[in-house]
Protein backbone atom coordinates (compact mmCIF):
# COMPACT_ATOMS: atom_id res chain seq x y z
CA MET A 1 14.41 -54.24 -238.60
CA THR A 2 14.51 -51.13 -241.73
CA ASP A 3 14.64 -51.54 -244.88
CA ALA A 4 18.09 -49.39 -245.09
CA LEU A 5 19.49 -51.97 -242.02
CA ARG A 6 18.62 -54.85 -243.78
CA GLU A 7 20.37 -53.76 -247.21
CA ALA A 8 23.69 -53.38 -245.08
CA ALA A 9 22.91 -56.93 -243.80
CA GLU A 10 22.79 -58.00 -247.05
CA THR A 11 25.70 -56.20 -248.35
CA ALA A 12 27.68 -57.71 -245.62
CA ILE A 13 26.22 -60.95 -246.25
CA HIS A 14 26.73 -61.35 -249.81
CA GLN A 15 28.73 -58.93 -250.84
CA CYS A 16 31.85 -58.87 -248.57
CA MET A 17 31.33 -62.74 -246.79
CA ALA A 18 30.17 -64.42 -250.02
CA LEU A 19 28.00 -67.24 -247.54
CA ASP A 20 26.75 -69.65 -249.62
CA ALA A 21 24.19 -72.38 -248.48
CA ASP A 22 26.07 -75.17 -247.85
CA GLU A 23 28.85 -73.03 -245.41
CA SER A 24 27.74 -72.44 -241.50
CA CYS A 25 27.74 -68.66 -240.52
CA ALA A 26 28.12 -67.76 -236.31
CA VAL A 27 26.96 -64.45 -235.92
CA VAL A 28 28.35 -63.29 -232.44
CA THR A 29 27.13 -59.97 -231.40
CA ASP A 30 26.24 -58.33 -227.20
CA ASP A 31 23.15 -57.18 -225.39
CA GLU A 32 24.06 -53.59 -226.75
CA ARG A 33 24.49 -54.63 -230.64
CA LEU A 34 21.44 -57.04 -230.64
CA PRO A 35 19.48 -55.53 -233.21
CA ILE A 36 22.20 -55.42 -235.79
CA GLY A 37 23.38 -58.94 -235.11
CA GLU A 38 19.26 -60.06 -235.34
CA ALA A 39 19.68 -58.11 -238.88
CA LEU A 40 22.81 -60.29 -239.79
CA TYR A 41 21.46 -63.33 -238.37
CA GLU A 42 18.15 -62.69 -240.70
CA VAL A 43 19.93 -62.63 -243.80
CA ALA A 44 22.31 -65.00 -243.13
CA SER A 45 19.62 -67.73 -242.06
CA SER A 46 17.83 -66.68 -245.53
CA VAL A 47 21.08 -68.70 -247.19
CA THR A 48 21.65 -71.44 -245.14
CA ALA A 49 20.03 -73.27 -242.54
CA ASP A 50 23.39 -73.41 -240.77
CA ALA A 51 23.11 -70.37 -238.90
CA VAL A 52 23.27 -69.54 -235.20
CA LEU A 53 22.90 -66.13 -233.33
CA LEU A 54 25.30 -66.28 -230.18
CA ARG A 55 24.69 -63.19 -227.46
CA TYR A 56 26.58 -62.01 -224.51
CA PRO A 57 27.52 -59.37 -221.99
CA PRO A 58 29.66 -56.55 -223.50
CA GLY A 59 33.11 -56.88 -223.20
CA GLU A 60 35.08 -54.95 -220.58
CA GLN A 61 37.76 -53.45 -223.17
CA HIS A 62 38.44 -53.30 -226.53
CA GLY A 63 40.48 -56.72 -227.34
CA THR A 64 38.51 -58.92 -224.47
CA GLU A 65 38.21 -62.30 -224.80
CA PRO A 66 34.48 -63.47 -225.28
CA PRO A 67 33.53 -66.75 -223.15
CA GLU A 68 34.52 -69.35 -224.35
CA PRO A 69 31.52 -70.90 -225.70
CA VAL A 70 31.32 -68.36 -228.04
CA ALA A 71 35.10 -68.19 -229.21
CA ALA A 72 34.13 -72.73 -229.99
CA ALA A 73 31.70 -71.32 -231.83
CA MET A 74 33.71 -69.20 -233.94
CA ALA A 75 36.61 -71.65 -234.43
CA ASP A 76 33.99 -74.25 -235.73
CA ALA A 77 32.24 -71.93 -238.44
CA ASP A 78 32.64 -71.05 -242.05
CA VAL A 79 31.90 -67.44 -241.91
CA VAL A 80 32.01 -65.44 -238.65
CA LEU A 81 30.28 -61.75 -238.10
CA ALA A 82 31.21 -60.08 -234.97
CA PRO A 83 28.62 -56.57 -234.39
CA THR A 84 29.79 -55.82 -230.60
CA THR A 85 30.55 -53.14 -228.23
CA LYS A 86 34.01 -53.80 -227.53
CA SER A 87 35.96 -55.13 -230.32
CA LEU A 88 36.96 -59.07 -230.66
CA SER A 89 39.36 -57.91 -233.57
CA HIS A 90 43.02 -58.62 -231.92
CA THR A 91 41.63 -61.32 -230.06
CA ARG A 92 43.08 -65.25 -229.40
CA ALA A 93 39.26 -65.90 -230.07
CA ARG A 94 39.18 -64.10 -233.99
CA LYS A 95 42.59 -65.36 -234.84
CA ARG A 96 42.09 -68.99 -233.77
CA ALA A 97 38.86 -69.04 -235.65
CA CYS A 98 40.53 -67.82 -239.03
CA GLU A 99 43.69 -69.90 -238.33
CA ALA A 100 40.70 -72.82 -238.03
CA GLY A 101 39.76 -71.81 -241.57
CA ALA A 102 36.58 -69.37 -241.06
CA ARG A 103 36.26 -66.22 -242.62
CA ALA A 104 35.84 -63.36 -240.08
CA ALA A 105 34.59 -59.79 -240.19
CA THR A 106 34.55 -58.03 -237.21
CA LEU A 107 31.85 -54.74 -236.90
CA PRO A 108 33.40 -53.23 -233.18
CA GLY A 109 31.54 -50.50 -231.24
CA ILE A 110 28.70 -50.32 -234.39
CA THR A 111 25.65 -48.66 -234.95
CA GLU A 112 22.86 -48.93 -237.29
CA ASP A 113 23.64 -45.47 -238.21
CA VAL A 114 27.41 -46.29 -239.09
CA MET A 115 26.30 -49.48 -240.25
CA ILE A 116 24.01 -48.36 -243.01
CA ALA A 117 26.85 -45.65 -243.68
CA GLY A 118 29.65 -47.67 -244.26
CA LEU A 119 28.43 -50.23 -245.83
CA ASP A 120 26.83 -48.34 -248.38
CA ALA A 121 29.74 -48.65 -250.45
CA ASP A 122 31.93 -50.55 -253.62
CA TYR A 123 34.21 -52.89 -251.86
CA GLU A 124 35.59 -53.38 -255.36
CA THR A 125 36.98 -49.39 -255.83
CA ILE A 126 37.98 -49.67 -252.22
CA ALA A 127 39.53 -53.22 -252.95
CA ARG A 128 41.65 -51.23 -255.52
CA HIS A 129 42.40 -48.14 -253.41
CA CYS A 130 44.00 -50.31 -250.89
CA ARG A 131 45.97 -52.22 -253.47
CA GLU A 132 47.29 -49.06 -255.10
CA VAL A 133 48.39 -47.59 -251.60
CA LEU A 134 50.09 -50.90 -250.28
CA ALA A 135 52.24 -51.14 -253.71
CA GLN A 136 53.56 -47.63 -252.19
CA VAL A 137 54.60 -48.83 -248.50
CA ARG A 138 55.53 -52.33 -248.43
CA GLY A 139 58.87 -52.72 -248.03
CA ALA A 140 60.08 -49.36 -247.15
CA ASP A 141 62.33 -49.18 -244.66
CA GLN A 142 60.81 -46.81 -242.90
CA ILE A 143 57.31 -45.18 -242.58
CA ARG A 144 57.35 -41.07 -241.87
CA VAL A 145 54.14 -39.74 -241.21
CA THR A 146 53.18 -35.65 -240.57
CA THR A 147 50.11 -33.48 -240.11
CA PRO A 148 49.62 -29.34 -239.66
CA ALA A 149 48.62 -30.30 -236.21
CA GLY A 150 51.94 -31.53 -234.96
CA THR A 151 52.89 -35.12 -235.80
CA ASP A 152 55.92 -36.42 -236.61
CA PHE A 153 56.63 -39.94 -236.55
CA THR A 154 58.28 -42.44 -237.68
CA VAL A 155 57.60 -46.20 -238.22
CA GLU A 156 60.07 -48.99 -238.78
CA PRO A 157 57.76 -52.14 -239.95
CA GLY A 158 61.24 -54.15 -240.36
CA ASP A 159 60.13 -57.80 -241.42
CA ARG A 160 56.62 -57.36 -240.62
CA GLU A 161 53.81 -57.27 -243.28
CA TRP A 162 51.47 -54.97 -244.54
CA LEU A 163 48.11 -56.10 -244.52
CA THR A 164 45.20 -54.64 -246.09
CA ASP A 165 41.60 -54.26 -245.01
CA THR A 166 39.78 -54.64 -247.84
CA GLY A 167 35.98 -55.90 -247.10
CA MET A 168 36.21 -58.74 -249.60
CA VAL A 169 35.91 -61.67 -246.87
CA HIS A 170 35.94 -64.86 -249.67
CA ASP A 171 38.49 -66.76 -248.90
CA SER A 172 39.69 -69.24 -245.70
CA GLY A 173 41.47 -67.20 -242.96
CA ASP A 174 40.47 -64.06 -244.32
CA PHE A 175 39.55 -61.11 -241.76
CA SER A 176 38.21 -57.68 -242.40
CA ASN A 177 36.91 -55.23 -239.76
CA LEU A 178 33.49 -53.88 -241.74
CA PRO A 179 32.61 -51.56 -242.64
CA ALA A 180 36.37 -51.71 -244.57
CA GLY A 181 39.15 -49.66 -246.42
CA GLU A 182 42.69 -49.07 -244.65
CA VAL A 183 46.19 -50.78 -245.32
CA PHE A 184 47.85 -51.20 -242.23
CA VAL A 185 51.26 -52.48 -240.24
CA SER A 186 52.11 -53.45 -236.93
CA PRO A 187 55.39 -51.89 -236.62
CA GLU A 188 58.84 -53.49 -235.20
CA THR A 189 59.80 -50.17 -233.60
CA ALA A 190 58.63 -46.52 -233.90
CA GLY A 191 59.61 -42.88 -232.25
CA GLY A 192 58.41 -39.27 -232.36
CA THR A 193 55.09 -37.39 -231.54
CA TYR A 194 51.47 -37.63 -233.38
CA VAL A 195 48.85 -35.75 -232.56
CA VAL A 196 45.22 -37.42 -232.47
CA ASP A 197 42.88 -34.35 -234.05
CA GLY A 198 40.27 -36.98 -234.94
CA THR A 199 38.74 -39.49 -233.31
CA MET A 200 39.61 -41.48 -229.90
CA MET A 201 37.71 -43.83 -227.86
CA PRO A 202 36.52 -42.94 -225.32
CA HIS A 203 35.97 -39.81 -226.67
CA GLY A 204 34.66 -39.79 -230.33
CA LEU A 205 35.60 -36.67 -231.78
CA VAL A 206 38.10 -34.97 -229.55
CA ASP A 207 37.29 -31.89 -228.59
CA GLU A 208 41.02 -30.96 -228.41
CA PRO A 209 44.19 -32.58 -230.17
CA LEU A 210 45.54 -35.42 -227.51
CA ARG A 211 49.58 -35.40 -228.49
CA PHE A 212 51.64 -39.13 -227.82
CA GLU A 213 55.58 -39.37 -227.51
CA VAL A 214 56.70 -42.60 -228.23
CA GLU A 215 60.10 -43.95 -227.66
CA ASP A 216 61.49 -47.53 -229.01
CA GLY A 217 58.48 -48.79 -229.70
CA PHE A 218 56.37 -48.07 -226.28
CA VAL A 219 54.20 -44.70 -225.75
CA THR A 220 55.82 -43.29 -222.99
CA HIS A 221 53.69 -39.54 -222.82
CA ILE A 222 49.80 -39.35 -223.23
CA SER A 223 48.44 -36.02 -222.52
CA ASP A 224 44.61 -37.14 -222.22
CA ASP A 225 43.85 -38.28 -218.84
CA ALA A 226 40.63 -40.94 -220.00
CA VAL A 227 42.94 -42.69 -222.55
CA ARG A 228 46.03 -42.72 -220.28
CA GLU A 229 43.42 -44.66 -217.49
CA GLN A 230 42.55 -46.79 -220.28
CA VAL A 231 46.52 -47.59 -220.85
CA ASP A 232 47.19 -47.79 -216.79
CA ALA A 233 44.89 -50.35 -216.78
CA GLY A 234 46.18 -52.51 -218.68
CA ARG A 235 49.31 -52.56 -216.79
CA GLU A 236 48.24 -53.67 -214.42
CA ALA A 237 47.67 -56.83 -216.38
CA VAL A 238 50.00 -57.29 -218.78
CA GLY A 239 53.28 -54.83 -217.69
CA ASP A 240 54.83 -52.44 -220.35
CA ALA A 241 53.16 -54.35 -223.40
CA ALA A 242 49.72 -52.33 -222.80
CA ALA A 243 51.85 -49.41 -223.70
CA ASN A 244 53.27 -51.27 -227.03
CA LEU A 245 53.10 -48.98 -230.05
CA ALA A 246 50.95 -51.54 -232.15
CA GLU A 247 49.66 -50.39 -236.20
CA LEU A 248 49.84 -47.80 -238.16
CA GLY A 249 47.23 -47.72 -240.32
CA ILE A 250 45.97 -45.55 -243.61
CA GLY A 251 42.59 -44.97 -244.54
CA THR A 252 41.00 -46.10 -248.07
CA ASN A 253 37.35 -45.58 -248.00
CA VAL A 254 36.01 -43.24 -249.93
CA GLY A 255 32.81 -43.19 -249.48
CA VAL A 256 33.81 -42.23 -246.06
CA THR A 257 33.42 -38.57 -246.65
CA GLU A 258 33.60 -37.20 -242.72
CA LEU A 259 34.67 -37.92 -239.63
CA VAL A 260 31.51 -39.05 -237.13
CA GLY A 261 33.34 -39.94 -233.99
CA SER A 262 33.12 -44.06 -234.60
CA VAL A 263 36.16 -45.68 -234.53
CA LEU A 264 35.09 -48.05 -236.65
CA LEU A 265 33.86 -46.26 -239.47
CA ASP A 266 36.37 -43.24 -239.02
CA GLU A 267 39.51 -44.99 -239.51
CA LYS A 268 38.82 -46.26 -242.26
CA ALA A 269 37.99 -43.36 -244.57
CA ALA A 270 40.29 -42.03 -247.11
CA GLY A 271 43.30 -39.28 -246.01
CA THR A 272 43.05 -40.52 -242.71
CA VAL A 273 46.05 -41.83 -240.73
CA HIS A 274 45.19 -43.77 -237.45
CA ILE A 275 47.74 -44.94 -234.70
CA ALA A 276 46.98 -47.54 -232.21
CA ILE A 277 48.21 -48.61 -228.60
CA GLY A 278 48.35 -51.85 -227.21
CA ASP A 279 47.45 -55.44 -228.59
CA ASP A 280 49.35 -56.40 -232.27
CA ALA A 281 49.33 -59.91 -231.89
CA SER A 282 46.76 -60.62 -234.58
CA ILE A 283 47.94 -58.43 -236.95
CA GLY A 284 51.59 -59.54 -237.32
CA GLY A 285 53.17 -58.38 -234.24
CA ASP A 286 53.98 -60.35 -231.02
CA THR A 287 52.29 -58.43 -228.02
CA GLU A 288 49.39 -59.63 -226.29
CA ALA A 289 47.54 -57.38 -224.22
CA PRO A 290 43.71 -56.83 -223.48
CA LEU A 291 43.44 -53.28 -225.35
CA HIS A 292 44.19 -52.47 -228.99
CA LEU A 293 43.23 -47.99 -228.61
CA ASP A 294 43.29 -46.26 -231.99
CA GLY A 295 43.28 -42.87 -232.61
CA ILE A 296 42.52 -40.92 -236.19
CA LEU A 297 44.72 -38.15 -237.53
CA ARG A 298 43.55 -35.91 -239.85
CA GLU A 299 45.09 -34.63 -243.19
CA PRO A 300 48.56 -36.86 -243.10
CA THR A 301 51.77 -36.73 -245.48
CA VAL A 302 52.96 -39.98 -245.10
CA TYR A 303 56.59 -40.57 -246.29
CA ALA A 304 57.51 -44.52 -247.80
CA ASP A 305 61.52 -44.06 -247.60
CA GLY A 306 61.62 -40.47 -248.42
CA GLU A 307 58.89 -40.73 -251.06
CA VAL A 308 55.21 -39.00 -250.25
CA VAL A 309 52.58 -41.77 -250.75
CA ASP A 310 49.96 -41.12 -252.96
CA LEU A 311 46.87 -41.43 -250.76
CA PRO A 312 43.02 -41.96 -251.84
CA VAL A 313 40.88 -38.70 -251.57
CA VAL A 314 37.59 -38.55 -250.32
CA GLU A 315 34.72 -38.44 -252.74
CA ARG A 316 32.74 -35.56 -251.52
């Protein structure tokens, strides 16, 4: 393990998770993210004797449930960290773990470079930016997003709660991505056009903008073949739920100075918006689907009931 990777793991264990000596910690990883899992486990085991490392083959899709023994260990731990190839954020296993009292952080698609870059940050400042954005959007009946690339898109949160991903996972049941920094909601309905000109899997940084049409809360048109194939594969399992407009998120991490092609990191970049398709059951919605596909939009203007939202400025 390099010194830089160890420092990032120490930030995760100490500052973000605040792991204590009398707590249990489950580090969940897979065959492709084992070095990161081992780094987190090594730091965790220096804090508590009740630490375990669980490894399993990578899931087929973001949102795929982990094996049942892994899910059971997550639900039985005080602290859960999940550096995995495919995201466990929007899984029943992660949700059940938090409902049982675990503090959980998922690190989907994490690489050593992204972990080092994304955790070299002041998470108190990130938390402050989250609070400032939340104060502007909470309670709004309609959120509108426009971009120079052609986005003109609205969501209606309805009764659903705006959530923050601050990276400070200190209370029972808390959940965050790491690296962190966003304010997000699973809207009751949405409509319009959004254009991804930043990052989206399976492409990473997109070569040309991807266009999505949304009506009554469902994606009705996808310009990109690869993304459309992922949604169609989800439809085979759960029908139209796979095309659910799942999330609108606003990035607040001012330490992310440029998009690098990692959804995990890029969706947190201050001054960006991301929109997701698929599962929203773990973030306040009612749709369960075997996918959650985020696309990042550059240079957005966000309006809350017609008022421009003051977005954090990226530090350069």
